[in-house]
PDB file of N, CA and C in Angstrom:
ATOM      1  N   MET A   1    -113.514  -1.694 -74.547  1.00  0.00           N
ATOM      2  CA  MET A   1    -112.617  -2.819 -74.454  1.00  0.00           C
ATOM      3  C   MET A   1    -111.679  -2.694 -73.265  1.00  0.00           C
ATOM      4  N   ARG A   2    -111.271  -1.493 -72.948  1.00  0.00           N
ATOM      5  CA  ARG A   2    -110.329  -1.275 -71.859  1.00  0.00           C
ATOM      6  C   ARG A   2    -110.911  -1.652 -70.495  1.00  0.00           C
ATOM      7  N   PRO A   3    -112.175  -1.295 -70.165  1.00  0.00           N
ATOM      8  CA  PRO A   3    -112.735  -1.694 -68.870  1.00  0.00           C
ATOM      9  C   PRO A   3    -112.805  -3.215 -68.718  1.00  0.00           C
ATOM     10  N   ARG A   4    -112.993  -3.930 -69.810  1.00  0.00           N
ATOM     11  CA  ARG A   4    -113.060  -5.384 -69.725  1.00  0.00           C
ATOM     12  C   ARG A   4    -111.693  -5.966 -69.337  1.00  0.00           C
ATOM     13  N   ARG A   5    -110.627  -5.432 -69.887  1.00  0.00           N
ATOM     14  CA  ARG A   5    -109.278  -5.890 -69.532  1.00  0.00           C
ATOM     15  C   ARG A   5    -108.976  -5.606 -68.070  1.00  0.00           C
ATOM     16  N   LEU A   6    -109.422  -4.460 -67.609  1.00  0.00           N
ATOM     17  CA  LEU A   6    -109.228  -4.102 -66.208  1.00  0.00           C
ATOM     18  C   LEU A   6    -109.991  -5.075 -65.310  1.00  0.00           C
ATOM     19  N   ALA A   7    -111.206  -5.408 -65.682  1.00  0.00           N
ATOM     20  CA  ALA A   7    -112.005  -6.340 -64.891  1.00  0.00           C
ATOM     21  C   ALA A   7    -111.359  -7.719 -64.863  1.00  0.00           C
ATOM     22  N   VAL A   8    -110.845  -8.171 -65.990  1.00  0.00           N
ATOM     23  CA  VAL A   8    -110.175  -9.473 -66.051  1.00  0.00           C
ATOM     24  C   VAL A   8    -108.927  -9.456 -65.179  1.00  0.00           C
ATOM     25  N   ALA A   9    -108.172  -8.373 -65.220  1.00  0.00           N
ATOM     26  CA  ALA A   9    -106.962  -8.263 -64.402  1.00  0.00           C
ATOM     27  C   ALA A   9    -107.303  -8.288 -62.916  1.00  0.00           C
ATOM     28  N   VAL A  10    -108.361  -7.606 -62.517  1.00  0.00           N
ATOM     29  CA  VAL A  10    -108.779  -7.580 -61.112  1.00  0.00           C
ATOM     30  C   VAL A  10    -109.211  -8.968 -60.665  1.00  0.00           C
ATOM     31  N   VAL A  11    -109.989  -9.665 -61.502  1.00  0.00           N
ATOM     32  CA  VAL A  11    -110.430 -11.010 -61.158  1.00  0.00           C
ATOM     33  C   VAL A  11    -109.234 -11.950 -61.015  1.00  0.00           C
ATOM     34  N   LEU A  12    -108.273 -11.856 -61.928  1.00  0.00           N
ATOM     35  CA  LEU A  12    -107.073 -12.693 -61.843  1.00  0.00           C
ATOM     36  C   LEU A  12    -106.282 -12.414 -60.564  1.00  0.00           C
ATOM     37  N   LEU A  13    -106.139 -11.150 -60.215  1.00  0.00           N
ATOM     38  CA  LEU A  13    -105.424 -10.797 -58.977  1.00  0.00           C
ATOM     39  C   LEU A  13    -106.155 -11.344 -57.751  1.00  0.00           C
ATOM     40  N   LEU A  14    -107.471 -11.277 -57.751  1.00  0.00           N
ATOM     41  CA  LEU A  14    -108.245 -11.818 -56.635  1.00  0.00           C
ATOM     42  C   LEU A  14    -108.082 -13.331 -56.534  1.00  0.00           C
ATOM     43  N   LEU A  15    -108.110 -14.018 -57.653  1.00  0.00           N
ATOM     44  CA  LEU A  15    -107.943 -15.470 -57.637  1.00  0.00           C
ATOM     45  C   LEU A  15    -106.553 -15.871 -57.155  1.00  0.00           C
ATOM     46  N   ILE A  16    -105.541 -15.155 -57.597  1.00  0.00           N
ATOM     47  CA  ILE A  16    -104.177 -15.456 -57.163  1.00  0.00           C
ATOM     48  C   ILE A  16    -104.019 -15.196 -55.671  1.00  0.00           C
ATOM     49  N   SER A  17    -104.557 -14.089 -55.184  1.00  0.00           N
ATOM     50  CA  SER A  17    -104.443 -13.799 -53.748  1.00  0.00           C
ATOM     51  C   SER A  17    -105.249 -14.788 -52.920  1.00  0.00           C
ATOM     52  N   LEU A  18    -106.386 -15.240 -53.428  1.00  0.00           N
ATOM     53  CA  LEU A  18    -107.177 -16.244 -52.723  1.00  0.00           C
ATOM     54  C   LEU A  18    -106.428 -17.569 -52.648  1.00  0.00           C
ATOM     55  N   ALA A  19    -105.782 -17.951 -53.720  1.00  0.00           N
ATOM     56  CA  ALA A  19    -105.010 -19.193 -53.724  1.00  0.00           C
ATOM     57  C   ALA A  19    -103.827 -19.102 -52.769  1.00  0.00           C
ATOM     58  N   ALA A  20    -103.237 -17.941 -52.638  1.00  0.00           N
ATOM     59  CA  ALA A  20    -102.097 -17.760 -51.737  1.00  0.00           C
ATOM     60  C   ALA A  20    -102.519 -17.782 -50.275  1.00  0.00           C
ATOM     61  N   CYS A  21    -103.764 -17.485 -49.994  1.00  0.00           N
ATOM     62  CA  CYS A  21    -104.234 -17.400 -48.620  1.00  0.00           C
ATOM     63  C   CYS A  21    -104.973 -18.640 -48.152  1.00  0.00           C
ATOM     64  N   THR A  22    -104.953 -19.713 -48.902  1.00  0.00           N
ATOM     65  CA  THR A  22    -105.653 -20.910 -48.473  1.00  0.00           C
ATOM     66  C   THR A  22    -104.963 -21.516 -47.269  1.00  0.00           C
ATOM     67  N   LYS A  23    -105.738 -22.172 -46.447  1.00  0.00           N
ATOM     68  CA  LYS A  23    -105.223 -22.762 -45.215  1.00  0.00           C
ATOM     69  C   LYS A  23    -104.432 -24.025 -45.540  1.00  0.00           C
ATOM     70  N   GLN A  24    -103.258 -24.118 -44.954  1.00  0.00           N
ATOM     71  CA  GLN A  24    -102.449 -25.312 -45.120  1.00  0.00           C
ATOM     72  C   GLN A  24    -102.627 -26.175 -43.889  1.00  0.00           C
ATOM     73  N   ASN A  25    -102.738 -27.456 -44.069  1.00  0.00           N
ATOM     74  CA  ASN A  25    -102.944 -28.372 -42.961  1.00  0.00           C
ATOM     75  C   ASN A  25    -101.601 -28.656 -42.292  1.00  0.00           C
ATOM     76  N   THR A  26    -101.264 -27.882 -41.261  1.00  0.00           N
ATOM     77  CA  THR A  26     -99.992 -28.052 -40.565  1.00  0.00           C
ATOM     78  C   THR A  26    -100.187 -28.328 -39.089  1.00  0.00           C
ATOM     79  N   SER A  27    -101.408 -28.650 -38.674  1.00  0.00           N
ATOM     80  CA  SER A  27    -101.638 -28.882 -37.254  1.00  0.00           C
ATOM     81  C   SER A  27    -100.904 -30.135 -36.795  1.00  0.00           C
ATOM     82  N   GLY A  28    -100.265 -30.034 -35.647  1.00  0.00           N
ATOM     83  CA  GLY A  28     -99.569 -31.173 -35.086  1.00  0.00           C
ATOM     84  C   GLY A  28     -98.176 -31.391 -35.627  1.00  0.00           C
ATOM     85  N   THR A  29     -97.705 -30.511 -36.470  1.00  0.00           N
ATOM     86  CA  THR A  29     -96.348 -30.667 -37.003  1.00  0.00           C
ATOM     87  C   THR A  29     -95.453 -29.585 -36.442  1.00  0.00           C
ATOM     88  N   THR A  30     -94.178 -29.841 -36.454  1.00  0.00           N
ATOM     89  CA  THR A  30     -93.235 -28.830 -35.993  1.00  0.00           C
ATOM     90  C   THR A  30     -92.912 -27.891 -37.135  1.00  0.00           C
ATOM     91  N   PRO A  31     -92.618 -26.644 -36.846  1.00  0.00           N
ATOM     92  CA  PRO A  31     -92.282 -25.698 -37.895  1.00  0.00           C
ATOM     93  C   PRO A  31     -91.031 -26.144 -38.654  1.00  0.00           C
ATOM     94  N   ALA A  32     -90.981 -25.807 -39.927  1.00  0.00           N
ATOM     95  CA  ALA A  32     -89.873 -26.228 -40.774  1.00  0.00           C
ATOM     96  C   ALA A  32     -88.584 -25.474 -40.459  1.00  0.00           C
ATOM     97  N   ASN A  33     -88.685 -24.301 -39.860  1.00  0.00           N
ATOM     98  CA  ASN A  33     -87.491 -23.490 -39.628  1.00  0.00           C
ATOM     99  C   ASN A  33     -87.014 -23.540 -38.178  1.00  0.00           C
ATOM    100  N   VAL A  34     -87.227 -24.657 -37.506  1.00  0.00           N
ATOM    101  CA  VAL A  34     -86.764 -24.798 -36.126  1.00  0.00           C
ATOM    102  C   VAL A  34     -85.254 -24.967 -36.135  1.00  0.00           C
ATOM    103  N   PRO A  35     -84.531 -24.128 -35.385  1.00  0.00           N
ATOM    104  CA  PRO A  35     -83.076 -24.267 -35.365  1.00  0.00           C
ATOM    105  C   PRO A  35     -82.662 -25.565 -34.682  1.00  0.00           C
ATOM    106  N   SER A  36     -81.584 -26.139 -35.157  1.00  0.00           N
ATOM    107  CA  SER A  36     -81.149 -27.409 -34.598  1.00  0.00           C
ATOM    108  C   SER A  36     -80.009 -27.241 -33.604  1.00  0.00           C
ATOM    109  N   GLY A  37     -79.468 -26.056 -33.458  1.00  0.00           N
ATOM    110  CA  GLY A  37     -78.360 -25.815 -32.544  1.00  0.00           C
ATOM    111  C   GLY A  37     -78.829 -25.616 -31.120  1.00  0.00           C
ATOM    112  N   PRO A  38     -77.970 -25.032 -30.307  1.00  0.00           N
ATOM    113  CA  PRO A  38     -78.347 -24.777 -28.911  1.00  0.00           C
ATOM    114  C   PRO A  38     -79.481 -23.758 -28.829  1.00  0.00           C
ATOM    115  N   PRO A  39     -80.289 -23.821 -27.774  1.00  0.00           N
ATOM    116  CA  PRO A  39     -81.416 -22.894 -27.667  1.00  0.00           C
ATOM    117  C   PRO A  39     -80.957 -21.444 -27.478  1.00  0.00           C
ATOM    118  N   ILE A  40     -81.774 -20.539 -27.950  1.00  0.00           N
ATOM    119  CA  ILE A  40     -81.542 -19.107 -27.776  1.00  0.00           C
ATOM    120  C   ILE A  40     -82.181 -18.708 -26.452  1.00  0.00           C
ATOM    121  N   ALA A  41     -81.532 -17.853 -25.692  1.00  0.00           N
ATOM    122  CA  ALA A  41     -82.092 -17.380 -24.418  1.00  0.00           C
ATOM    123  C   ALA A  41     -82.794 -16.043 -24.649  1.00  0.00           C
ATOM    124  N   VAL A  42     -84.055 -15.972 -24.225  1.00  0.00           N
ATOM    125  CA  VAL A  42     -84.850 -14.754 -24.364  1.00  0.00           C
ATOM    126  C   VAL A  42     -85.443 -14.407 -23.004  1.00  0.00           C
ATOM    127  N   ALA A  43     -85.280 -13.161 -22.591  1.00  0.00           N
ATOM    128  CA  ALA A  43     -85.881 -12.680 -21.346  1.00  0.00           C
ATOM    129  C   ALA A  43     -87.101 -11.830 -21.702  1.00  0.00           C
ATOM    130  N   MET A  44     -88.228 -12.167 -21.136  1.00  0.00           N
ATOM    131  CA  MET A  44     -89.471 -11.425 -21.366  1.00  0.00           C
ATOM    132  C   MET A  44     -89.892 -10.797 -20.044  1.00  0.00           C
ATOM    133  N   VAL A  45     -89.844  -9.476 -19.987  1.00  0.00           N
ATOM    134  CA  VAL A  45     -90.194  -8.749 -18.772  1.00  0.00           C
ATOM    135  C   VAL A  45     -91.435  -7.917 -19.079  1.00  0.00           C
ATOM    136  N   THR A  46     -92.503  -8.156 -18.317  1.00  0.00           N
ATOM    137  CA  THR A  46     -93.748  -7.428 -18.546  1.00  0.00           C
ATOM    138  C   THR A  46     -94.021  -6.470 -17.398  1.00  0.00           C
ATOM    139  N   HIS A  47     -94.912  -5.542 -17.636  1.00  0.00           N
ATOM    140  CA  HIS A  47     -95.284  -4.594 -16.581  1.00  0.00           C
ATOM    141  C   HIS A  47     -96.582  -5.007 -15.888  1.00  0.00           C
ATOM    142  N   GLY A  48     -97.213  -6.071 -16.359  1.00  0.00           N
ATOM    143  CA  GLY A  48     -98.462  -6.534 -15.755  1.00  0.00           C
ATOM    144  C   GLY A  48     -98.229  -7.711 -14.842  1.00  0.00           C
ATOM    145  N   GLN A  49     -99.085  -7.850 -13.856  1.00  0.00           N
ATOM    146  CA  GLN A  49     -98.952  -8.945 -12.891  1.00  0.00           C
ATOM    147  C   GLN A  49     -99.281 -10.283 -13.549  1.00  0.00           C
ATOM    148  N   ALA A  50     -98.640 -11.336 -13.064  1.00  0.00           N
ATOM    149  CA  ALA A  50     -98.801 -12.665 -13.657  1.00  0.00           C
ATOM    150  C   ALA A  50    -100.224 -13.196 -13.504  1.00  0.00           C
ATOM    151  N   PHE A  51    -100.942 -12.821 -12.445  1.00  0.00           N
ATOM    152  CA  PHE A  51    -102.294 -13.351 -12.250  1.00  0.00           C
ATOM    153  C   PHE A  51    -103.340 -12.623 -13.086  1.00  0.00           C
ATOM    154  N   ASP A  52    -102.969 -11.529 -13.748  1.00  0.00           N
ATOM    155  CA  ASP A  52    -103.873 -10.818 -14.633  1.00  0.00           C
ATOM    156  C   ASP A  52    -104.184 -11.729 -15.830  1.00  0.00           C
ATOM    157  N   PRO A  53    -105.455 -11.888 -16.212  1.00  0.00           N
ATOM    158  CA  PRO A  53    -105.807 -12.815 -17.293  1.00  0.00           C
ATOM    159  C   PRO A  53    -105.090 -12.524 -18.608  1.00  0.00           C
ATOM    160  N   PHE A  54    -104.912 -11.253 -18.954  1.00  0.00           N
ATOM    161  CA  PHE A  54    -104.230 -10.915 -20.194  1.00  0.00           C
ATOM    162  C   PHE A  54    -102.783 -11.369 -20.163  1.00  0.00           C
ATOM    163  N   TRP A  55    -102.067 -11.046 -19.087  1.00  0.00           N
ATOM    164  CA  TRP A  55    -100.651 -11.391 -19.012  1.00  0.00           C
ATOM    165  C   TRP A  55    -100.446 -12.885 -18.821  1.00  0.00           C
ATOM    166  N   ALA A  56    -101.403 -13.562 -18.203  1.00  0.00           N
ATOM    167  CA  ALA A  56    -101.320 -15.018 -18.102  1.00  0.00           C
ATOM    168  C   ALA A  56    -101.402 -15.653 -19.490  1.00  0.00           C
ATOM    169  N   LEU A  57    -102.258 -15.103 -20.348  1.00  0.00           N
ATOM    170  CA  LEU A  57    -102.369 -15.590 -21.719  1.00  0.00           C
ATOM    171  C   LEU A  57    -101.111 -15.269 -22.521  1.00  0.00           C
ATOM    172  N   VAL A  58    -100.547 -14.088 -22.317  1.00  0.00           N
ATOM    173  CA  VAL A  58     -99.294 -13.720 -22.987  1.00  0.00           C
ATOM    174  C   VAL A  58     -98.188 -14.690 -22.592  1.00  0.00           C
ATOM    175  N   ARG A  59     -98.100 -14.982 -21.315  1.00  0.00           N
ATOM    176  CA  ARG A  59     -97.056 -15.904 -20.842  1.00  0.00           C
ATOM    177  C   ARG A  59     -97.251 -17.303 -21.430  1.00  0.00           C
ATOM    178  N   LYS A  60     -98.494 -17.771 -21.439  1.00  0.00           N
ATOM    179  CA  LYS A  60     -98.783 -19.100 -21.970  1.00  0.00           C
ATOM    180  C   LYS A  60     -98.395 -19.186 -23.451  1.00  0.00           C
ATOM    181  N   GLY A  61     -98.714 -18.168 -24.209  1.00  0.00           N
ATOM    182  CA  GLY A  61     -98.354 -18.145 -25.630  1.00  0.00           C
ATOM    183  C   GLY A  61     -96.857 -18.070 -25.845  1.00  0.00           C
ATOM    184  N   ALA A  62     -96.179 -17.273 -25.034  1.00  0.00           N
ATOM    185  CA  ALA A  62     -94.724 -17.152 -25.150  1.00  0.00           C
ATOM    186  C   ALA A  62     -94.045 -18.474 -24.816  1.00  0.00           C
ATOM    187  N   GLU A  63     -94.534 -19.156 -23.797  1.00  0.00           N
ATOM    188  CA  GLU A  63     -93.948 -20.450 -23.422  1.00  0.00           C
ATOM    189  C   GLU A  63     -94.202 -21.510 -24.499  1.00  0.00           C
ATOM    190  N   ALA A  64     -95.386 -21.479 -25.103  1.00  0.00           N
ATOM    191  CA  ALA A  64     -95.694 -22.432 -26.172  1.00  0.00           C
ATOM    192  C   ALA A  64     -94.795 -22.182 -27.385  1.00  0.00           C
ATOM    193  N   ALA A  65     -94.629 -20.924 -27.746  1.00  0.00           N
ATOM    194  CA  ALA A  65     -93.765 -20.596 -28.885  1.00  0.00           C
ATOM    195  C   ALA A  65     -92.311 -20.924 -28.579  1.00  0.00           C
ATOM    196  N   ALA A  66     -91.892 -20.690 -27.350  1.00  0.00           N
ATOM    197  CA  ALA A  66     -90.512 -20.989 -26.978  1.00  0.00           C
ATOM    198  C   ALA A  66     -90.223 -22.481 -27.100  1.00  0.00           C
ATOM    199  N   SER A  67     -91.170 -23.305 -26.714  1.00  0.00           N
ATOM    200  CA  SER A  67     -90.946 -24.750 -26.818  1.00  0.00           C
ATOM    201  C   SER A  67     -90.931 -25.203 -28.273  1.00  0.00           C
ATOM    202  N   GLN A  68     -91.678 -24.535 -29.133  1.00  0.00           N
ATOM    203  CA  GLN A  68     -91.712 -24.905 -30.551  1.00  0.00           C
ATOM    204  C   GLN A  68     -90.454 -24.471 -31.295  1.00  0.00           C
ATOM    205  N   PHE A  69     -89.863 -23.361 -30.886  1.00  0.00           N
ATOM    206  CA  PHE A  69     -88.755 -22.788 -31.640  1.00  0.00           C
ATOM    207  C   PHE A  69     -87.404 -22.899 -30.939  1.00  0.00           C
ATOM    208  N   ASN A  70     -87.279 -23.830 -30.004  1.00  0.00           N
ATOM    209  CA  ASN A  70     -85.993 -24.088 -29.354  1.00  0.00           C
ATOM    210  C   ASN A  70     -85.444 -22.832 -28.675  1.00  0.00           C
ATOM    211  N   VAL A  71     -86.298 -22.193 -27.886  1.00  0.00           N
ATOM    212  CA  VAL A  71     -85.928 -20.962 -27.177  1.00  0.00           C
ATOM    213  C   VAL A  71     -86.042 -21.199 -25.678  1.00  0.00           C
ATOM    214  N   LYS A  72     -85.048 -20.761 -24.929  1.00  0.00           N
ATOM    215  CA  LYS A  72     -85.102 -20.823 -23.467  1.00  0.00           C
ATOM    216  C   LYS A  72     -85.673 -19.485 -22.995  1.00  0.00           C
ATOM    217  N   LEU A  73     -86.896 -19.525 -22.479  1.00  0.00           N
ATOM    218  CA  LEU A  73     -87.612 -18.304 -22.100  1.00  0.00           C
ATOM    219  C   LEU A  73     -87.489 -18.054 -20.607  1.00  0.00           C
ATOM    220  N   ALA A  74     -87.112 -16.838 -20.244  1.00  0.00           N
ATOM    221  CA  ALA A  74     -87.107 -16.399 -18.848  1.00  0.00           C
ATOM    222  C   ALA A  74     -88.175 -15.308 -18.734  1.00  0.00           C
ATOM    223  N   TYR A  75     -89.311 -15.638 -18.133  1.00  0.00           N
ATOM    224  CA  TYR A  75     -90.438 -14.713 -18.018  1.00  0.00           C
ATOM    225  C   TYR A  75     -90.421 -14.076 -16.640  1.00  0.00           C
ATOM    226  N   GLN A  76     -90.596 -12.763 -16.606  1.00  0.00           N
ATOM    227  CA  GLN A  76     -90.597 -12.044 -15.334  1.00  0.00           C
ATOM    228  C   GLN A  76     -91.706 -10.998 -15.339  1.00  0.00           C
ATOM    229  N   SER A  77     -92.442 -10.928 -14.237  1.00  0.00           N
ATOM    230  CA  SER A  77     -93.473  -9.911 -14.085  1.00  0.00           C
ATOM    231  C   SER A  77     -93.487  -9.449 -12.636  1.00  0.00           C
ATOM    232  N   PRO A  78     -93.952  -8.223 -12.400  1.00  0.00           N
ATOM    233  CA  PRO A  78     -93.956  -7.715 -11.031  1.00  0.00           C
ATOM    234  C   PRO A  78     -95.019  -8.404 -10.170  1.00  0.00           C
ATOM    235  N   SER A  79     -94.762  -8.450  -8.887  1.00  0.00           N
ATOM    236  CA  SER A  79     -95.740  -9.032  -7.972  1.00  0.00           C
ATOM    237  C   SER A  79     -96.830  -8.020  -7.620  1.00  0.00           C
ATOM    238  N   THR A  80     -96.582  -6.761  -7.878  1.00  0.00           N
ATOM    239  CA  THR A  80     -97.564  -5.716  -7.597  1.00  0.00           C
ATOM    240  C   THR A  80     -97.470  -4.649  -8.677  1.00  0.00           C
ATOM    241  N   THR A  81     -98.581  -3.944  -8.875  1.00  0.00           N
ATOM    242  CA  THR A  81     -98.576  -2.827  -9.837  1.00  0.00           C
ATOM    243  C   THR A  81     -98.465  -1.485  -9.142  1.00  0.00           C
ATOM    244  N   ASP A  82     -98.282  -1.507  -7.831  1.00  0.00           N
ATOM    245  CA  ASP A  82     -98.118  -0.279  -7.046  1.00  0.00           C
ATOM    246  C   ASP A  82     -96.685   0.213  -7.187  1.00  0.00           C
ATOM    247  N   PRO A  83     -96.443   1.343  -7.851  1.00  0.00           N
ATOM    248  CA  PRO A  83     -95.073   1.825  -8.049  1.00  0.00           C
ATOM    249  C   PRO A  83     -94.355   2.135  -6.739  1.00  0.00           C
ATOM    250  N   GLN A  84     -95.092   2.505  -5.693  1.00  0.00           N
ATOM    251  CA  GLN A  84     -94.476   2.835  -4.421  1.00  0.00           C
ATOM    252  C   GLN A  84     -93.980   1.589  -3.710  1.00  0.00           C
ATOM    253  N   ALA A  85     -94.616   0.430  -3.972  1.00  0.00           N
ATOM    254  CA  ALA A  85     -94.248  -0.794  -3.280  1.00  0.00           C
ATOM    255  C   ALA A  85     -93.136  -1.567  -3.983  1.00  0.00           C
ATOM    256  N   ARG A  86     -92.785  -1.180  -5.188  1.00  0.00           N
ATOM    257  CA  ARG A  86     -91.739  -1.872  -5.936  1.00  0.00           C
ATOM    258  C   ARG A  86     -90.365  -1.558  -5.366  1.00  0.00           C
ATOM    259  N   PRO A  87     -89.475  -2.526  -5.374  1.00  0.00           N
ATOM    260  CA  PRO A  87     -88.106  -2.245  -4.912  1.00  0.00           C
ATOM    261  C   PRO A  87     -87.396  -1.321  -5.901  1.00  0.00           C
ATOM    262  N   ARG A  88     -86.466  -0.549  -5.378  1.00  0.00           N
ATOM    263  CA  ARG A  88     -85.746   0.404  -6.249  1.00  0.00           C
ATOM    264  C   ARG A  88     -84.340  -0.027  -6.439  1.00  0.00           C
TER     265      ARG A  88
END
């Protein structure tokens, strides 16, 4: 009898977790927790060059999130990855 109760409990936990993970249709809407006050200023400084595909994608995502969440983003990246050529 005990293994059956355990199996029922596991199935119930799986069903509850599945229901909690269902996709909500929120495409095209603004997030509910967008602040209504003045924008927050955030500086994002990376070590990768802006023309690098990875960092270009990071910048694009950061700018998209900043526009959604009322954030003023200042993005900065080096023009070169050569440590000797960087200003000191």
